[in-house]
Structures are given as structure tokens and as C-alpha cells.
Amino acid sequence: MKEEIIIEKEDVIKENKIKETCTIPESKINSNHTEIEIIDLDKNMNLNMNMNMKINHQPDTYRLCFIKRFTNLRYGLNGLYYLSIDKSILMQILFAVMLIVSGILHKFTIIQWILQLILITINISCECCNTIIELVANFVEPNFNKKIGLIKDVSAGMVILVMLITTSANVLIHFI
């Protein structure tokens, strides 16, 4: 059984991609020392690479997955930190705390708590989406632009619409 490896490199001078293939003999697959010959078809030259590596068909996927998840968690925590210092998100969190205190004082049933938490989550999520849209719009066009302003206005309008609907639903939950 021969294993074929496709190696892609970017040729900076010509700005195109060159695909090179090399075949590894079956006797070399499980060895620790592998010599690979790469033939560059554009320049007609042979490159010998001595690679002191173990070719493994199944890499340690669990370890790599675990490391990747921790990296993703770090990115998520960075985003959560940014959202926690954003003024509009802080205002929504303040309203959520007020609703939770009101729910404690009214002695909500489990159904009322579930509905209230769903409404709070929808409201804060829309505010997060609005913040993301504003950040992307500011990144795309840092100067004033009427079209970017319209995008930001529609995004803010979405938040107000959702806030009106969730406020109406919260009034029904609290007083009916």
C-alpha cells in the first residue's frame, strides 16, 4: 500500500499554488525516519527532505480536541469579558436583575421562571447581536457613512422591537 501526500505551497514570485505529490513506500510508513523526494514541476528541481518524524495514520485526536476546546473556551471568555464591559449589555443585565428580583418577590412558579428566563435570554441575545453588527460596521467603515448608519439604525430598531415584545410578555407574566 502506498500513501500519497499532497503538499501545497505558495509561490511568492508567481503568486500561484503549486501542487506537488510524493509517494511514501509501505516499508517507510511505520518507520521513525522518512526521506521524501519532492519534485517541483515548474523549476525541474528535486528537493530531498529528511524528516525525523513518525507517520501515524490516527493522530492523538482526543488530546488535540481537548486542547482545541480549551483554546475555544479562552476565545469565548474573552468575548464574554468584552460583552460584560459594554454599556448597552450592562443596561440589559441590570433590567434582567430587576426582573429576577421582582420574580422572587412575586414568588413565581416554575413555569413563570422558565418563561421569564427565556425572555431575558432573548433580550440579551438581541443586544449582543446589535453590538456585533455595530462592531463589524465600524470595522468595515470607520468614517461616517449613510448606509452603515442605516444598518446600525435597523439593528437598534430590532433591539427595541424585541424589547417591547419581551416587556409586554413580562407584564403578562408578572400581573396576570
C-alpha atoms as a PDB file:
ATOM      1  CA  MET A   1       0.000   0.000   0.000  1.00  0.00           C
ATOM      2  CA  LYS A   2       1.405   3.354  -0.991  1.00  0.00           C
ATOM      3  CA  GLU A   3       0.296   6.558   0.664  1.00  0.00           C
ATOM      4  CA  GLU A   4       0.184   9.760  -1.362  1.00  0.00           C
ATOM      5  CA  ILE A   5       0.672  13.131   0.289  1.00  0.00           C
ATOM      6  CA  ILE A   6      -0.309  16.356  -1.463  1.00  0.00           C
ATOM      7  CA  ILE A   7       1.871  19.285  -0.450  1.00  0.00           C
ATOM      8  CA  GLU A   8       0.709  22.777  -1.372  1.00  0.00           C
ATOM      9  CA  LYS A   9       2.984  25.774  -1.208  1.00  0.00           C
ATOM     10  CA  GLU A  10       2.528  29.300  -2.352  1.00  0.00           C
ATOM     11  CA  ASP A  11       4.988  30.522  -4.914  1.00  0.00           C
ATOM     12  CA  VAL A  12       5.520  34.152  -3.884  1.00  0.00           C
ATOM     13  CA  ILE A  13       7.126  35.191  -7.167  1.00  0.00           C
ATOM     14  CA  LYS A  14       4.373  33.905  -9.469  1.00  0.00           C
ATOM     15  CA  GLU A  15       1.538  34.149  -6.897  1.00  0.00           C
ATOM     16  CA  ASN A  16       0.045  30.769  -7.773  1.00  0.00           C
ATOM     17  CA  LYS A  17      -0.244  27.493  -5.951  1.00  0.00           C
ATOM     18  CA  ILE A  18       1.912  24.539  -6.922  1.00  0.00           C
ATOM     19  CA  LYS A  19       0.680  21.076  -6.012  1.00  0.00           C
ATOM     20  CA  GLU A  20       3.369  18.513  -5.506  1.00  0.00           C
ATOM     21  CA  THR A  21       2.848  14.875  -4.781  1.00  0.00           C
ATOM     22  CA  CYS A  22       5.124  12.388  -3.244  1.00  0.00           C
ATOM     23  CA  THR A  23       4.627   8.715  -2.650  1.00  0.00           C
ATOM     24  CA  ILE A  24       5.760   7.052   0.542  1.00  0.00           C
ATOM     25  CA  PRO A  25       6.644   3.382   0.198  1.00  0.00           C
ATOM     26  CA  GLU A  26       4.863   0.979   2.522  1.00  0.00           C
ATOM     27  CA  SER A  27       8.117   0.000   4.190  1.00  0.00           C
ATOM     28  CA  LYS A  28       8.678   3.589   5.311  1.00  0.00           C
ATOM     29  CA  ILE A  29       5.198   4.254   6.708  1.00  0.00           C
ATOM     30  CA  ASN A  30       5.835   2.886  10.193  1.00  0.00           C
ATOM     31  CA  SER A  31       9.470   3.914  10.470  1.00  0.00           C
ATOM     32  CA  ASN A  32      10.719   6.872  12.507  1.00  0.00           C
ATOM     33  CA  HIS A  33      12.934   8.203   9.725  1.00  0.00           C
ATOM     34  CA  THR A  34      11.364   9.008   6.364  1.00  0.00           C
ATOM     35  CA  GLU A  35      13.013  10.526   3.319  1.00  0.00           C
ATOM     36  CA  ILE A  36      10.616  12.260   0.967  1.00  0.00           C
ATOM     37  CA  GLU A  37      11.509  13.426  -2.508  1.00  0.00           C
ATOM     38  CA  ILE A  38       9.565  16.400  -3.810  1.00  0.00           C
ATOM     39  CA  ILE A  39       9.680  17.253  -7.484  1.00  0.00           C
ATOM     40  CA  ASP A  40       8.875  20.852  -8.358  1.00  0.00           C
ATOM     41  CA  LEU A  41       7.461  20.661 -11.868  1.00  0.00           C
ATOM     42  CA  ASP A  42       7.848  24.387 -12.603  1.00  0.00           C
ATOM     43  CA  LYS A  43      11.534  24.613 -11.815  1.00  0.00           C
ATOM     44  CA  ASN A  44      12.564  20.997 -12.681  1.00  0.00           C
ATOM     45  CA  MET A  45      14.459  20.521  -9.478  1.00  0.00           C
ATOM     46  CA  ASN A  46      14.413  17.778  -6.890  1.00  0.00           C
ATOM     47  CA  LEU A  47      14.317  18.518  -3.208  1.00  0.00           C
ATOM     48  CA  ASN A  48      15.246  15.798  -0.743  1.00  0.00           C
ATOM     49  CA  MET A  49      13.750  16.214   2.664  1.00  0.00           C
ATOM     50  CA  ASN A  50      14.844  14.162   5.602  1.00  0.00           C
ATOM     51  CA  MET A  51      12.057  14.142   8.088  1.00  0.00           C
ATOM     52  CA  ASN A  52      12.630  12.681  11.522  1.00  0.00           C
ATOM     53  CA  MET A  53       9.005  12.118  12.292  1.00  0.00           C
ATOM     54  CA  LYS A  54       6.670   9.271  12.856  1.00  0.00           C
ATOM     55  CA  ILE A  55       3.922   8.968  10.291  1.00  0.00           C
ATOM     56  CA  ASN A  56       0.825   7.892  12.146  1.00  0.00           C
ATOM     57  CA  HIS A  57      -2.486   7.165  10.480  1.00  0.00           C
ATOM     58  CA  GLN A  58      -4.516   8.067  13.559  1.00  0.00           C
ATOM     59  CA  PRO A  59      -3.114  11.054  15.419  1.00  0.00           C
ATOM     60  CA  ASP A  60      -3.919  11.619  19.052  1.00  0.00           C
ATOM     61  CA  THR A  61      -7.272  13.171  18.240  1.00  0.00           C
ATOM     62  CA  TYR A  62      -8.550  13.245  21.805  1.00  0.00           C
ATOM     63  CA  ARG A  63      -5.605  15.305  23.013  1.00  0.00           C
ATOM     64  CA  LEU A  64      -5.840  17.698  20.065  1.00  0.00           C
ATOM     65  CA  CYS A  65      -9.594  18.051  20.515  1.00  0.00           C
ATOM     66  CA  PHE A  66      -9.150  18.735  24.227  1.00  0.00           C
ATOM     67  CA  ILE A  67      -6.525  21.424  23.549  1.00  0.00           C
ATOM     68  CA  LYS A  68      -8.695  22.991  20.835  1.00  0.00           C
ATOM     69  CA  ARG A  69     -11.693  23.136  23.170  1.00  0.00           C
ATOM     70  CA  PHE A  70      -9.661  24.963  25.807  1.00  0.00           C
ATOM     71  CA  THR A  71      -8.492  27.432  23.147  1.00  0.00           C
ATOM     72  CA  ASN A  72     -12.093  27.989  22.040  1.00  0.00           C
ATOM     73  CA  LEU A  73     -13.108  28.436  25.672  1.00  0.00           C
ATOM     74  CA  ARG A  74     -10.452  31.131  26.048  1.00  0.00           C
ATOM     75  CA  TYR A  75     -11.823  32.959  22.996  1.00  0.00           C
ATOM     76  CA  GLY A  76     -15.346  32.673  24.371  1.00  0.00           C
ATOM     77  CA  LEU A  77     -14.288  34.056  27.747  1.00  0.00           C
ATOM     78  CA  ASN A  78     -12.561  36.988  26.006  1.00  0.00           C
ATOM     79  CA  GLY A  79     -15.806  37.722  24.164  1.00  0.00           C
ATOM     80  CA  LEU A  80     -17.806  37.409  27.359  1.00  0.00           C
ATOM     81  CA  TYR A  81     -15.464  39.859  29.059  1.00  0.00           C
ATOM     82  CA  TYR A  82     -15.929  42.355  26.223  1.00  0.00           C
ATOM     83  CA  LEU A  83     -19.698  41.979  26.408  1.00  0.00           C
ATOM     84  CA  SER A  84     -19.611  42.460  30.185  1.00  0.00           C
ATOM     85  CA  ILE A  85     -17.990  45.897  29.815  1.00  0.00           C
ATOM     86  CA  ASP A  86     -20.299  47.070  27.012  1.00  0.00           C
ATOM     87  CA  LYS A  87     -22.729  49.700  28.340  1.00  0.00           C
ATOM     88  CA  SER A  88     -25.796  48.514  26.429  1.00  0.00           C
ATOM     89  CA  ILE A  89     -25.299  44.929  27.589  1.00  0.00           C
ATOM     90  CA  LEU A  90     -24.802  46.114  31.175  1.00  0.00           C
ATOM     91  CA  MET A  91     -28.107  48.004  30.949  1.00  0.00           C
ATOM     92  CA  GLN A  92     -29.887  44.847  29.763  1.00  0.00           C
ATOM     93  CA  ILE A  93     -28.282  42.846  32.584  1.00  0.00           C
ATOM     94  CA  LEU A  94     -29.497  45.482  35.085  1.00  0.00           C
ATOM     95  CA  PHE A  95     -33.057  45.117  33.747  1.00  0.00           C
ATOM     96  CA  ALA A  96     -32.714  41.325  33.973  1.00  0.00           C
ATOM     97  CA  VAL A  97     -31.633  41.549  37.612  1.00  0.00           C
ATOM     98  CA  MET A  98     -34.600  43.793  38.358  1.00  0.00           C
ATOM     99  CA  LEU A  99     -36.946  41.260  36.744  1.00  0.00           C
ATOM    100  CA  ILE A 100     -35.380  38.405  38.703  1.00  0.00           C
ATOM    101  CA  VAL A 101     -35.804  40.309  41.988  1.00  0.00           C
ATOM    102  CA  SER A 102     -39.395  41.039  41.032  1.00  0.00           C
ATOM    103  CA  GLY A 103     -39.928  37.344  40.312  1.00  0.00           C
ATOM    104  CA  ILE A 104     -38.564  36.450  43.742  1.00  0.00           C
ATOM    105  CA  LEU A 105     -40.877  38.964  45.409  1.00  0.00           C
ATOM    106  CA  HIS A 106     -43.915  37.681  43.454  1.00  0.00           C
ATOM    107  CA  LYS A 107     -42.973  34.048  44.256  1.00  0.00           C
ATOM    108  CA  PHE A 108     -43.061  32.800  40.668  1.00  0.00           C
ATOM    109  CA  THR A 109     -43.997  29.267  39.755  1.00  0.00           C
ATOM    110  CA  ILE A 110     -41.536  27.163  37.761  1.00  0.00           C
ATOM    111  CA  ILE A 111     -43.370  27.923  34.502  1.00  0.00           C
ATOM    112  CA  GLN A 112     -43.203  31.666  35.150  1.00  0.00           C
ATOM    113  CA  TRP A 113     -39.456  31.384  35.888  1.00  0.00           C
ATOM    114  CA  ILE A 114     -38.842  29.443  32.692  1.00  0.00           C
ATOM    115  CA  LEU A 115     -40.770  31.984  30.618  1.00  0.00           C
ATOM    116  CA  GLN A 116     -39.033  34.911  32.304  1.00  0.00           C
ATOM    117  CA  LEU A 117     -35.554  33.440  31.771  1.00  0.00           C
ATOM    118  CA  ILE A 118     -36.346  32.707  28.112  1.00  0.00           C
ATOM    119  CA  LEU A 119     -37.460  36.328  27.614  1.00  0.00           C
ATOM    120  CA  ILE A 120     -34.348  37.666  29.371  1.00  0.00           C
ATOM    121  CA  THR A 121     -32.140  35.446  27.202  1.00  0.00           C
ATOM    122  CA  ILE A 122     -33.850  36.597  24.002  1.00  0.00           C
ATOM    123  CA  ASN A 123     -33.477  40.239  25.020  1.00  0.00           C
ATOM    124  CA  ILE A 124     -29.785  40.000  25.940  1.00  0.00           C
ATOM    125  CA  SER A 125     -29.065  37.907  22.831  1.00  0.00           C
ATOM    126  CA  CYS A 126     -30.571  40.569  20.570  1.00  0.00           C
ATOM    127  CA  GLU A 127     -28.496  43.216  22.299  1.00  0.00           C
ATOM    128  CA  CYS A 128     -25.381  41.085  21.745  1.00  0.00           C
ATOM    129  CA  CYS A 129     -26.269  40.751  18.048  1.00  0.00           C
ATOM    130  CA  ASN A 130     -26.697  44.526  17.852  1.00  0.00           C
ATOM    131  CA  THR A 131     -23.262  45.019  19.429  1.00  0.00           C
ATOM    132  CA  ILE A 132     -21.711  42.585  16.946  1.00  0.00           C
ATOM    133  CA  ILE A 133     -23.344  44.343  13.992  1.00  0.00           C
ATOM    134  CA  GLU A 134     -22.100  47.714  15.225  1.00  0.00           C
ATOM    135  CA  LEU A 135     -18.550  46.390  15.711  1.00  0.00           C
ATOM    136  CA  VAL A 136     -18.467  44.888  12.218  1.00  0.00           C
ATOM    137  CA  ALA A 137     -19.915  48.062  10.711  1.00  0.00           C
ATOM    138  CA  ASN A 138     -17.289  50.190  12.489  1.00  0.00           C
ATOM    139  CA  PHE A 139     -14.570  47.830  11.275  1.00  0.00           C
ATOM    140  CA  VAL A 140     -15.763  47.956   7.663  1.00  0.00           C
ATOM    141  CA  GLU A 141     -16.222  51.727   7.582  1.00  0.00           C
ATOM    142  CA  PRO A 142     -14.654  53.691  10.462  1.00  0.00           C
ATOM    143  CA  ASN A 143     -15.771  57.023   8.966  1.00  0.00           C
ATOM    144  CA  PHE A 144     -19.360  58.221   8.771  1.00  0.00           C
ATOM    145  CA  ASN A 145     -21.336  56.537   6.019  1.00  0.00           C
ATOM    146  CA  LYS A 146     -25.102  56.825   5.443  1.00  0.00           C
ATOM    147  CA  LYS A 147     -25.502  53.141   4.528  1.00  0.00           C
ATOM    148  CA  ILE A 148     -23.580  51.985   7.595  1.00  0.00           C
ATOM    149  CA  GLY A 149     -25.704  54.358   9.689  1.00  0.00           C
ATOM    150  CA  LEU A 150     -28.851  52.783   8.239  1.00  0.00           C
ATOM    151  CA  ILE A 151     -27.550  49.306   9.091  1.00  0.00           C
ATOM    152  CA  LYS A 152     -26.871  50.401  12.658  1.00  0.00           C
ATOM    153  CA  ASP A 153     -30.304  52.043  12.937  1.00  0.00           C
ATOM    154  CA  VAL A 154     -32.099  48.910  11.721  1.00  0.00           C
ATOM    155  CA  SER A 155     -30.077  46.826  14.174  1.00  0.00           C
ATOM    156  CA  ALA A 156     -31.034  49.157  17.039  1.00  0.00           C
ATOM    157  CA  GLY A 157     -34.652  49.039  15.853  1.00  0.00           C
ATOM    158  CA  MET A 158     -34.544  45.246  16.081  1.00  0.00           C
ATOM    159  CA  VAL A 159     -33.463  45.522  19.713  1.00  0.00           C
ATOM    160  CA  ILE A 160     -36.248  47.979  20.537  1.00  0.00           C
ATOM    161  CA  LEU A 161     -38.849  45.774  18.834  1.00  0.00           C
ATOM    162  CA  VAL A 162     -37.719  42.691  20.756  1.00  0.00           C
ATOM    163  CA  MET A 163     -37.572  44.713  23.978  1.00  0.00           C
ATOM    164  CA  LEU A 164     -41.171  45.918  23.503  1.00  0.00           C
ATOM    165  CA  ILE A 165     -42.389  42.373  22.886  1.00  0.00           C
ATOM    166  CA  THR A 166     -40.483  40.890  25.836  1.00  0.00           C
ATOM    167  CA  THR A 167     -41.601  43.735  28.108  1.00  0.00           C
ATOM    168  CA  SER A 168     -45.232  43.076  27.166  1.00  0.00           C
ATOM    169  CA  ALA A 169     -44.765  39.377  27.864  1.00  0.00           C
ATOM    170  CA  ASN A 170     -43.071  40.137  31.199  1.00  0.00           C
ATOM    171  CA  VAL A 171     -46.012  42.365  32.212  1.00  0.00           C
ATOM    172  CA  LEU A 172     -48.349  39.456  31.453  1.00  0.00           C
ATOM    173  CA  ILE A 173     -46.175  37.077  33.468  1.00  0.00           C
ATOM    174  CA  HIS A 174     -45.977  39.404  36.473  1.00  0.00           C
ATOM    175  CA  PHE A 175     -49.521  40.692  36.711  1.00  0.00           C
ATOM    176  CA  ILE A 176     -51.764  38.037  35.203  1.00  0.00           C
END
